[in-house]
Amino acid sequence: MQRLKCSVAESEDHRIVINLKPNHMRKEIHIVSNSNRGGWDAKRPNAERASKHFEKKQEAMDWSRELAKKEGLEMIPHRKDGQIQNPNS
């Protein structure tokens, strides 16, 4: 269960409560190596399954770049060892 922080501002006559929603995270699509099937996956954060699987990294990059443009996502490619390469906003 995710705990949300709450901000409260008070003055003599007013009390303002601001609730923060968990959807304030960046929208991302990650290109990661799939060690079980081989190839590469385009995957959203915290997703159990990949959005789409590809044999070649370049295919995953091209598909993810188009999705990122359409949906306003940040594309984050990873190396085969899992380290982030160069994120593309």
PDB file of N, CA and C in Angstrom:
ATOM      1  N   MET A   1       0.836  -1.174   0.000  1.00  0.00           N
ATOM      2  CA  MET A   1       0.000   0.000   0.000  1.00  0.00           C
ATOM      3  C   MET A   1       0.881   1.238   0.000  1.00  0.00           C
ATOM      4  N   GLN A   2       0.577   2.172  -0.878  1.00  0.00           N
ATOM      5  CA  GLN A   2       1.382   3.374  -0.991  1.00  0.00           C
ATOM      6  C   GLN A   2       0.831   4.450  -0.071  1.00  0.00           C
ATOM      7  N   ARG A   3       1.698   5.067   0.696  1.00  0.00           N
ATOM      8  CA  ARG A   3       1.295   6.114   1.615  1.00  0.00           C
ATOM      9  C   ARG A   3       1.512   7.464   0.946  1.00  0.00           C
ATOM     10  N   LEU A   4       0.532   8.332   1.020  1.00  0.00           N
ATOM     11  CA  LEU A   4       0.620   9.648   0.401  1.00  0.00           C
ATOM     12  C   LEU A   4       0.905  10.696   1.457  1.00  0.00           C
ATOM     13  N   LYS A   5       1.690  11.678   1.085  1.00  0.00           N
ATOM     14  CA  LYS A   5       1.940  12.785   1.991  1.00  0.00           C
ATOM     15  C   LYS A   5       0.857  13.832   1.786  1.00  0.00           C
ATOM     16  N   CYS A   6       0.548  14.528   2.828  1.00  0.00           N
ATOM     17  CA  CYS A   6      -0.486  15.548   2.779  1.00  0.00           C
ATOM     18  C   CYS A   6       0.128  16.852   3.268  1.00  0.00           C
ATOM     19  N   SER A   7      -0.149  17.936   2.587  1.00  0.00           N
ATOM     20  CA  SER A   7       0.377  19.231   2.951  1.00  0.00           C
ATOM     21  C   SER A   7      -0.766  20.084   3.499  1.00  0.00           C
ATOM     22  N   VAL A   8      -0.522  20.760   4.617  1.00  0.00           N
ATOM     23  CA  VAL A   8      -1.554  21.597   5.238  1.00  0.00           C
ATOM     24  C   VAL A   8      -0.992  22.994   5.424  1.00  0.00           C
ATOM     25  N   ALA A   9      -1.753  23.998   4.987  1.00  0.00           N
ATOM     26  CA  ALA A   9      -1.390  25.395   5.195  1.00  0.00           C
ATOM     27  C   ALA A   9      -2.526  26.051   5.978  1.00  0.00           C
ATOM     28  N   GLU A  10      -2.189  26.773   7.037  1.00  0.00           N
ATOM     29  CA  GLU A  10      -3.225  27.398   7.861  1.00  0.00           C
ATOM     30  C   GLU A  10      -2.946  28.880   8.039  1.00  0.00           C
ATOM     31  N   SER A  11      -4.020  29.647   8.114  1.00  0.00           N
ATOM     32  CA  SER A  11      -3.950  31.051   8.498  1.00  0.00           C
ATOM     33  C   SER A  11      -5.047  31.253   9.543  1.00  0.00           C
ATOM     34  N   GLU A  12      -5.302  32.481   9.965  1.00  0.00           N
ATOM     35  CA  GLU A  12      -6.304  32.724  10.994  1.00  0.00           C
ATOM     36  C   GLU A  12      -7.694  32.241  10.577  1.00  0.00           C
ATOM     37  N   ASP A  13      -8.077  32.487   9.328  1.00  0.00           N
ATOM     38  CA  ASP A  13      -9.435  32.187   8.887  1.00  0.00           C
ATOM     39  C   ASP A  13      -9.556  30.974   7.972  1.00  0.00           C
ATOM     40  N   HIS A  14      -8.456  30.452   7.482  1.00  0.00           N
ATOM     41  CA  HIS A  14      -8.529  29.411   6.469  1.00  0.00           C
ATOM     42  C   HIS A  14      -7.607  28.243   6.782  1.00  0.00           C
ATOM     43  N   ARG A  15      -8.039  27.112   6.361  1.00  0.00           N
ATOM     44  CA  ARG A  15      -7.195  25.921   6.424  1.00  0.00           C
ATOM     45  C   ARG A  15      -7.268  25.259   5.059  1.00  0.00           C
ATOM     46  N   ILE A  16      -6.132  25.066   4.409  1.00  0.00           N
ATOM     47  CA  ILE A  16      -6.079  24.466   3.081  1.00  0.00           C
ATOM     48  C   ILE A  16      -5.342  23.136   3.191  1.00  0.00           C
ATOM     49  N   VAL A  17      -5.957  22.086   2.683  1.00  0.00           N
ATOM     50  CA  VAL A  17      -5.340  20.765   2.683  1.00  0.00           C
ATOM     51  C   VAL A  17      -5.135  20.346   1.234  1.00  0.00           C
ATOM     52  N   ILE A  18      -3.921  19.962   0.905  1.00  0.00           N
ATOM     53  CA  ILE A  18      -3.609  19.526  -0.453  1.00  0.00           C
ATOM     54  C   ILE A  18      -3.197  18.067  -0.390  1.00  0.00           C
ATOM     55  N   ASN A  19      -3.938  17.218  -1.077  1.00  0.00           N
ATOM     56  CA  ASN A  19      -3.601  15.803  -1.138  1.00  0.00           C
ATOM     57  C   ASN A  19      -2.821  15.531  -2.409  1.00  0.00           C
ATOM     58  N   LEU A  20      -1.736  14.812  -2.294  1.00  0.00           N
ATOM     59  CA  LEU A  20      -0.938  14.456  -3.455  1.00  0.00           C
ATOM     60  C   LEU A  20      -1.352  13.080  -3.932  1.00  0.00           C
ATOM     61  N   LYS A  21      -1.553  12.928  -5.214  1.00  0.00           N
ATOM     62  CA  LYS A  21      -1.950  11.654  -5.792  1.00  0.00           C
ATOM     63  C   LYS A  21      -0.713  10.878  -6.228  1.00  0.00           C
ATOM     64  N   PRO A  22      -0.790   9.545  -6.253  1.00  0.00           N
ATOM     65  CA  PRO A  22       0.381   8.756  -6.651  1.00  0.00           C
ATOM     66  C   PRO A  22       0.686   8.861  -8.140  1.00  0.00           C
ATOM     67  N   ASN A  23      -0.158   9.471  -8.943  1.00  0.00           N
ATOM     68  CA  ASN A  23       0.064   9.572 -10.382  1.00  0.00           C
ATOM     69  C   ASN A  23       0.989  10.723 -10.758  1.00  0.00           C
ATOM     70  N   HIS A  24       1.712  11.277  -9.801  1.00  0.00           N
ATOM     71  CA  HIS A  24       2.635  12.366 -10.108  1.00  0.00           C
ATOM     72  C   HIS A  24       3.979  11.848 -10.602  1.00  0.00           C
ATOM     73  N   MET A  25       4.056  10.567 -10.885  1.00  0.00           N
ATOM     74  CA  MET A  25       5.299   9.989 -11.383  1.00  0.00           C
ATOM     75  C   MET A  25       5.403  10.244 -12.891  1.00  0.00           C
ATOM     76  N   ARG A  26       6.634  10.248 -13.382  1.00  0.00           N
ATOM     77  CA  ARG A  26       6.835  10.428 -14.819  1.00  0.00           C
ATOM     78  C   ARG A  26       6.277   9.238 -15.576  1.00  0.00           C
ATOM     79  N   LYS A  27       5.807   9.507 -16.768  1.00  0.00           N
ATOM     80  CA  LYS A  27       5.363   8.426 -17.641  1.00  0.00           C
ATOM     81  C   LYS A  27       6.564   7.993 -18.467  1.00  0.00           C
ATOM     82  N   GLU A  28       6.852   6.704 -18.428  1.00  0.00           N
ATOM     83  CA  GLU A  28       8.052   6.194 -19.080  1.00  0.00           C
ATOM     84  C   GLU A  28       7.757   4.892 -19.816  1.00  0.00           C
ATOM     85  N   ILE A  29       8.611   4.610 -20.791  1.00  0.00           N
ATOM     86  CA  ILE A  29       8.656   3.303 -21.446  1.00  0.00           C
ATOM     87  C   ILE A  29      10.134   2.901 -21.460  1.00  0.00           C
ATOM     88  N   HIS A  30      10.427   1.716 -20.947  1.00  0.00           N
ATOM     89  CA  HIS A  30      11.805   1.231 -20.850  1.00  0.00           C
ATOM     90  C   HIS A  30      12.049   0.160 -21.905  1.00  0.00           C
ATOM     91  N   ILE A  31      13.213   0.184 -22.501  1.00  0.00           N
ATOM     92  CA  ILE A  31      13.636  -0.859 -23.431  1.00  0.00           C
ATOM     93  C   ILE A  31      14.661  -1.695 -22.674  1.00  0.00           C
ATOM     94  N   VAL A  32      14.281  -2.955 -22.376  1.00  0.00           N
ATOM     95  CA  VAL A  32      15.119  -3.813 -21.538  1.00  0.00           C
ATOM     96  C   VAL A  32      15.359  -5.157 -22.206  1.00  0.00           C
ATOM     97  N   SER A  33      16.503  -5.749 -21.905  1.00  0.00           N
ATOM     98  CA  SER A  33      16.841  -7.075 -22.414  1.00  0.00           C
ATOM     99  C   SER A  33      15.965  -8.120 -21.726  1.00  0.00           C
ATOM    100  N   ASN A  34      15.519  -9.118 -22.490  1.00  0.00           N
ATOM    101  CA  ASN A  34      14.714 -10.202 -21.928  1.00  0.00           C
ATOM    102  C   ASN A  34      15.604 -11.435 -21.824  1.00  0.00           C
ATOM    103  N   SER A  35      16.036 -11.746 -20.613  1.00  0.00           N
ATOM    104  CA  SER A  35      16.975 -12.855 -20.426  1.00  0.00           C
ATOM    105  C   SER A  35      16.315 -14.224 -20.608  1.00  0.00           C
ATOM    106  N   ASN A  36      15.011 -14.329 -20.432  1.00  0.00           N
ATOM    107  CA  ASN A  36      14.312 -15.611 -20.592  1.00  0.00           C
ATOM    108  C   ASN A  36      14.058 -15.972 -22.054  1.00  0.00           C
ATOM    109  N   ARG A  37      13.567 -15.018 -22.822  1.00  0.00           N
ATOM    110  CA  ARG A  37      13.189 -15.270 -24.220  1.00  0.00           C
ATOM    111  C   ARG A  37      14.248 -14.823 -25.210  1.00  0.00           C
ATOM    112  N   GLY A  38      15.221 -14.051 -24.737  1.00  0.00           N
ATOM    113  CA  GLY A  38      16.152 -13.420 -25.656  1.00  0.00           C
ATOM    114  C   GLY A  38      15.475 -12.192 -26.231  1.00  0.00           C
ATOM    115  N   GLY A  39      16.190 -11.384 -26.938  1.00  0.00           N
ATOM    116  CA  GLY A  39      15.611 -10.194 -27.535  1.00  0.00           C
ATOM    117  C   GLY A  39      15.393  -9.090 -26.517  1.00  0.00           C
ATOM    118  N   TRP A  40      14.469  -8.187 -26.853  1.00  0.00           N
ATOM    119  CA  TRP A  40      14.257  -6.969 -26.083  1.00  0.00           C
ATOM    120  C   TRP A  40      12.769  -6.727 -25.854  1.00  0.00           C
ATOM    121  N   ASP A  41      12.451  -6.111 -24.709  1.00  0.00           N
ATOM    122  CA  ASP A  41      11.075  -5.781 -24.372  1.00  0.00           C
ATOM    123  C   ASP A  41      10.911  -4.276 -24.215  1.00  0.00           C
ATOM    124  N   ALA A  42       9.763  -3.790 -24.626  1.00  0.00           N
ATOM    125  CA  ALA A  42       9.332  -2.433 -24.305  1.00  0.00           C
ATOM    126  C   ALA A  42       8.394  -2.592 -23.123  1.00  0.00           C
ATOM    127  N   LYS A  43       8.745  -1.966 -22.010  1.00  0.00           N
ATOM    128  CA  LYS A  43       8.019  -2.228 -20.774  1.00  0.00           C
ATOM    129  C   LYS A  43       7.794  -0.945 -19.991  1.00  0.00           C
ATOM    130  N   ARG A  44       6.601  -0.808 -19.416  1.00  0.00           N
ATOM    131  CA  ARG A  44       6.304   0.331 -18.549  1.00  0.00           C
ATOM    132  C   ARG A  44       6.737   0.009 -17.122  1.00  0.00           C
ATOM    133  N   PRO A  45       7.055   1.040 -16.339  1.00  0.00           N
ATOM    134  CA  PRO A  45       7.472   0.796 -14.957  1.00  0.00           C
ATOM    135  C   PRO A  45       6.400   0.037 -14.173  1.00  0.00           C
ATOM    136  N   ASN A  46       6.814  -0.849 -13.328  1.00  0.00           N
ATOM    137  CA  ASN A  46       5.946  -1.644 -12.447  1.00  0.00           C
ATOM    138  C   ASN A  46       5.013  -2.600 -13.183  1.00  0.00           C
ATOM    139  N   ALA A  47       5.185  -2.783 -14.484  1.00  0.00           N
ATOM    140  CA  ALA A  47       4.352  -3.727 -15.231  1.00  0.00           C
ATOM    141  C   ALA A  47       4.938  -5.125 -15.082  1.00  0.00           C
ATOM    142  N   GLU A  48       4.066  -6.108 -14.938  1.00  0.00           N
ATOM    143  CA  GLU A  48       4.541  -7.485 -14.848  1.00  0.00           C
ATOM    144  C   GLU A  48       4.955  -8.013 -16.215  1.00  0.00           C
ATOM    145  N   ARG A  49       4.215  -7.605 -17.253  1.00  0.00           N
ATOM    146  CA  ARG A  49       4.502  -8.073 -18.615  1.00  0.00           C
ATOM    147  C   ARG A  49       4.955  -6.909 -19.487  1.00  0.00           C
ATOM    148  N   ALA A  50       5.675  -7.248 -20.524  1.00  0.00           N
ATOM    149  CA  ALA A  50       6.125  -6.241 -21.486  1.00  0.00           C
ATOM    150  C   ALA A  50       4.950  -5.758 -22.321  1.00  0.00           C
ATOM    151  N   SER A  51       5.028  -4.514 -22.766  1.00  0.00           N
ATOM    152  CA  SER A  51       4.033  -3.990 -23.704  1.00  0.00           C
ATOM    153  C   SER A  51       4.174  -4.699 -25.038  1.00  0.00           C
ATOM    154  N   LYS A  52       5.433  -4.954 -25.429  1.00  0.00           N
ATOM    155  CA  LYS A  52       5.704  -5.643 -26.689  1.00  0.00           C
ATOM    156  C   LYS A  52       7.113  -6.221 -26.650  1.00  0.00           C
ATOM    157  N   HIS A  53       7.311  -7.364 -27.320  1.00  0.00           N
ATOM    158  CA  HIS A  53       8.608  -8.046 -27.372  1.00  0.00           C
ATOM    159  C   HIS A  53       9.185  -7.946 -28.783  1.00  0.00           C
ATOM    160  N   PHE A  54      10.501  -7.804 -28.873  1.00  0.00           N
ATOM    161  CA  PHE A  54      11.189  -7.662 -30.160  1.00  0.00           C
ATOM    162  C   PHE A  54      12.434  -8.535 -30.180  1.00  0.00           C
ATOM    163  N   GLU A  55      12.812  -8.976 -31.360  1.00  0.00           N
ATOM    164  CA  GLU A  55      14.043  -9.742 -31.511  1.00  0.00           C
ATOM    165  C   GLU A  55      15.276  -8.837 -31.455  1.00  0.00           C
ATOM    166  N   LYS A  56      15.161  -7.626 -32.013  1.00  0.00           N
ATOM    167  CA  LYS A  56      16.300  -6.709 -32.083  1.00  0.00           C
ATOM    168  C   LYS A  56      16.019  -5.447 -31.282  1.00  0.00           C
ATOM    169  N   LYS A  57      17.068  -4.919 -30.669  1.00  0.00           N
ATOM    170  CA  LYS A  57      16.925  -3.716 -29.853  1.00  0.00           C
ATOM    171  C   LYS A  57      16.454  -2.530 -30.688  1.00  0.00           C
ATOM    172  N   GLN A  58      16.952  -2.396 -31.901  1.00  0.00           N
ATOM    173  CA  GLN A  58      16.572  -1.263 -32.741  1.00  0.00           C
ATOM    174  C   GLN A  58      15.075  -1.278 -33.030  1.00  0.00           C
ATOM    175  N   GLU A  59      14.488  -2.467 -33.221  1.00  0.00           N
ATOM    176  CA  GLU A  59      13.041  -2.566 -33.431  1.00  0.00           C
ATOM    177  C   GLU A  59      12.284  -2.074 -32.201  1.00  0.00           C
ATOM    178  N   ALA A  60      12.764  -2.452 -31.022  1.00  0.00           N
ATOM    179  CA  ALA A  60      12.138  -2.006 -29.764  1.00  0.00           C
ATOM    180  C   ALA A  60      12.272  -0.501 -29.608  1.00  0.00           C
ATOM    181  N   MET A  61      13.429   0.032 -29.974  1.00  0.00           N
ATOM    182  CA  MET A  61      13.660   1.478 -29.884  1.00  0.00           C
ATOM    183  C   MET A  61      12.723   2.235 -30.818  1.00  0.00           C
ATOM    184  N   ASP A  62      12.602   1.780 -32.052  1.00  0.00           N
ATOM    185  CA  ASP A  62      11.748   2.462 -33.035  1.00  0.00           C
ATOM    186  C   ASP A  62      10.289   2.459 -32.595  1.00  0.00           C
ATOM    187  N   TRP A  63       9.799   1.290 -32.165  1.00  0.00           N
ATOM    188  CA  TRP A  63       8.399   1.176 -31.734  1.00  0.00           C
ATOM    189  C   TRP A  63       8.141   2.043 -30.500  1.00  0.00           C
ATOM    190  N   SER A  64       9.074   2.006 -29.551  1.00  0.00           N
ATOM    191  CA  SER A  64       8.918   2.771 -28.312  1.00  0.00           C
ATOM    192  C   SER A  64       8.997   4.271 -28.557  1.00  0.00           C
ATOM    193  N   ARG A  65       9.829   4.683 -29.505  1.00  0.00           N
ATOM    194  CA  ARG A  65       9.943   6.102 -29.828  1.00  0.00           C
ATOM    195  C   ARG A  65       8.617   6.639 -30.367  1.00  0.00           C
ATOM    196  N   GLU A  66       7.965   5.868 -31.232  1.00  0.00           N
ATOM    197  CA  GLU A  66       6.662   6.286 -31.769  1.00  0.00           C
ATOM    198  C   GLU A  66       5.610   6.341 -30.660  1.00  0.00           C
ATOM    199  N   LEU A  67       5.601   5.348 -29.777  1.00  0.00           N
ATOM    200  CA  LEU A  67       4.667   5.338 -28.661  1.00  0.00           C
ATOM    201  C   LEU A  67       4.919   6.537 -27.744  1.00  0.00           C
ATOM    202  N   ALA A  68       6.186   6.824 -27.481  1.00  0.00           N
ATOM    203  CA  ALA A  68       6.550   7.956 -26.628  1.00  0.00           C
ATOM    204  C   ALA A  68       6.054   9.273 -27.214  1.00  0.00           C
ATOM    205  N   LYS A  69       6.163   9.428 -28.522  1.00  0.00           N
ATOM    206  CA  LYS A  69       5.683  10.645 -29.176  1.00  0.00           C
ATOM    207  C   LYS A  69       4.168  10.773 -29.048  1.00  0.00           C
ATOM    208  N   LYS A  70       3.458   9.663 -29.280  1.00  0.00           N
ATOM    209  CA  LYS A  70       1.995   9.677 -29.228  1.00  0.00           C
ATOM    210  C   LYS A  70       1.454   9.926 -27.829  1.00  0.00           C
ATOM    211  N   GLU A  71       2.081   9.302 -26.830  1.00  0.00           N
ATOM    212  CA  GLU A  71       1.540   9.332 -25.475  1.00  0.00           C
ATOM    213  C   GLU A  71       2.294  10.257 -24.520  1.00  0.00           C
ATOM    214  N   GLY A  72       3.282  10.980 -25.028  1.00  0.00           N
ATOM    215  CA  GLY A  72       4.034  11.897 -24.179  1.00  0.00           C
ATOM    216  C   GLY A  72       4.859  11.185 -23.111  1.00  0.00           C
ATOM    217  N   LEU A  73       5.486  10.083 -23.487  1.00  0.00           N
ATOM    218  CA  LEU A  73       6.293   9.295 -22.558  1.00  0.00           C
ATOM    219  C   LEU A  73       7.765   9.646 -22.696  1.00  0.00           C
ATOM    220  N   GLU A  74       8.531   9.307 -21.690  1.00  0.00           N
ATOM    221  CA  GLU A  74       9.979   9.388 -21.807  1.00  0.00           C
ATOM    222  C   GLU A  74      10.486   7.987 -22.112  1.00  0.00           C
ATOM    223  N   MET A  75      11.253   7.851 -23.179  1.00  0.00           N
ATOM    224  CA  MET A  75      11.802   6.562 -23.572  1.00  0.00           C
ATOM    225  C   MET A  75      13.150   6.381 -22.877  1.00  0.00           C
ATOM    226  N   ILE A  76      13.307   5.257 -22.189  1.00  0.00           N
ATOM    227  CA  ILE A  76      14.533   5.009 -21.434  1.00  0.00           C
ATOM    228  C   ILE A  76      15.134   3.672 -21.872  1.00  0.00           C
ATOM    229  N   PRO A  77      16.150   3.711 -22.725  1.00  0.00           N
ATOM    230  CA  PRO A  77      16.814   2.466 -23.142  1.00  0.00           C
ATOM    231  C   PRO A  77      17.819   1.995 -22.095  1.00  0.00           C
ATOM    232  N   HIS A  78      17.930   0.695 -21.984  1.00  0.00           N
ATOM    233  CA  HIS A  78      18.882   0.075 -21.064  1.00  0.00           C
ATOM    234  C   HIS A  78      19.887  -0.744 -21.868  1.00  0.00           C
ATOM    235  N   ARG A  79      21.081  -0.913 -21.296  1.00  0.00           N
ATOM    236  CA  ARG A  79      22.055  -1.817 -21.884  1.00  0.00           C
ATOM    237  C   ARG A  79      21.645  -3.245 -21.558  1.00  0.00           C
ATOM    238  N   LYS A  80      22.322  -4.181 -22.147  1.00  0.00           N
ATOM    239  CA  LYS A  80      22.017  -5.597 -21.897  1.00  0.00           C
ATOM    240  C   LYS A  80      22.194  -5.954 -20.418  1.00  0.00           C
ATOM    241  N   ASP A  81      23.117  -5.254 -19.728  1.00  0.00           N
ATOM    242  CA  ASP A  81      23.344  -5.519 -18.297  1.00  0.00           C
ATOM    243  C   ASP A  81      22.334  -4.815 -17.390  1.00  0.00           C
ATOM    244  N   GLY A  82      21.400  -4.055 -17.985  1.00  0.00           N
ATOM    245  CA  GLY A  82      20.350  -3.401 -17.212  1.00  0.00           C
ATOM    246  C   GLY A  82      20.592  -1.941 -16.906  1.00  0.00           C
ATOM    247  N   GLN A  83      21.813  -1.461 -17.107  1.00  0.00           N
ATOM    248  CA  GLN A  83      22.097  -0.048 -16.828  1.00  0.00           C
ATOM    249  C   GLN A  83      21.428   0.855 -17.846  1.00  0.00           C
ATOM    250  N   ILE A  84      20.955   2.010 -17.388  1.00  0.00           N
ATOM    251  CA  ILE A  84      20.314   2.980 -18.278  1.00  0.00           C
ATOM    252  C   ILE A  84      21.360   3.570 -19.207  1.00  0.00           C
ATOM    253  N   GLN A  85      20.979   3.678 -20.487  1.00  0.00           N
ATOM    254  CA  GLN A  85      21.870   4.303 -21.467  1.00  0.00           C
ATOM    255  C   GLN A  85      21.622   5.803 -21.468  1.00  0.00           C
ATOM    256  N   ASN A  86      21.058   6.324 -22.534  1.00  0.00           N
ATOM    257  CA  ASN A  86      20.818   7.761 -22.645  1.00  0.00           C
ATOM    258  C   ASN A  86      19.307   7.983 -22.802  1.00  0.00           C
ATOM    259  N   PRO A  87      18.632   8.435 -21.719  1.00  0.00           N
ATOM    260  CA  PRO A  87      17.180   8.664 -21.813  1.00  0.00           C
ATOM    261  C   PRO A  87      16.849   9.713 -22.868  1.00  0.00           C
ATOM    262  N   ASN A  88      15.729   9.533 -23.525  1.00  0.00           N
ATOM    263  CA  ASN A  88      15.266  10.421 -24.585  1.00  0.00           C
ATOM    264  C   ASN A  88      13.914  10.971 -24.208  1.00  0.00           C
ATOM    265  N   SER A  89      13.840  12.252 -23.911  1.00  0.00           N
ATOM    266  CA  SER A  89      12.544  12.827 -23.571  1.00  0.00           C
ATOM    267  C   SER A  89      11.717  13.015 -24.801  1.00  0.00           C
TER     268      SER A  89
END
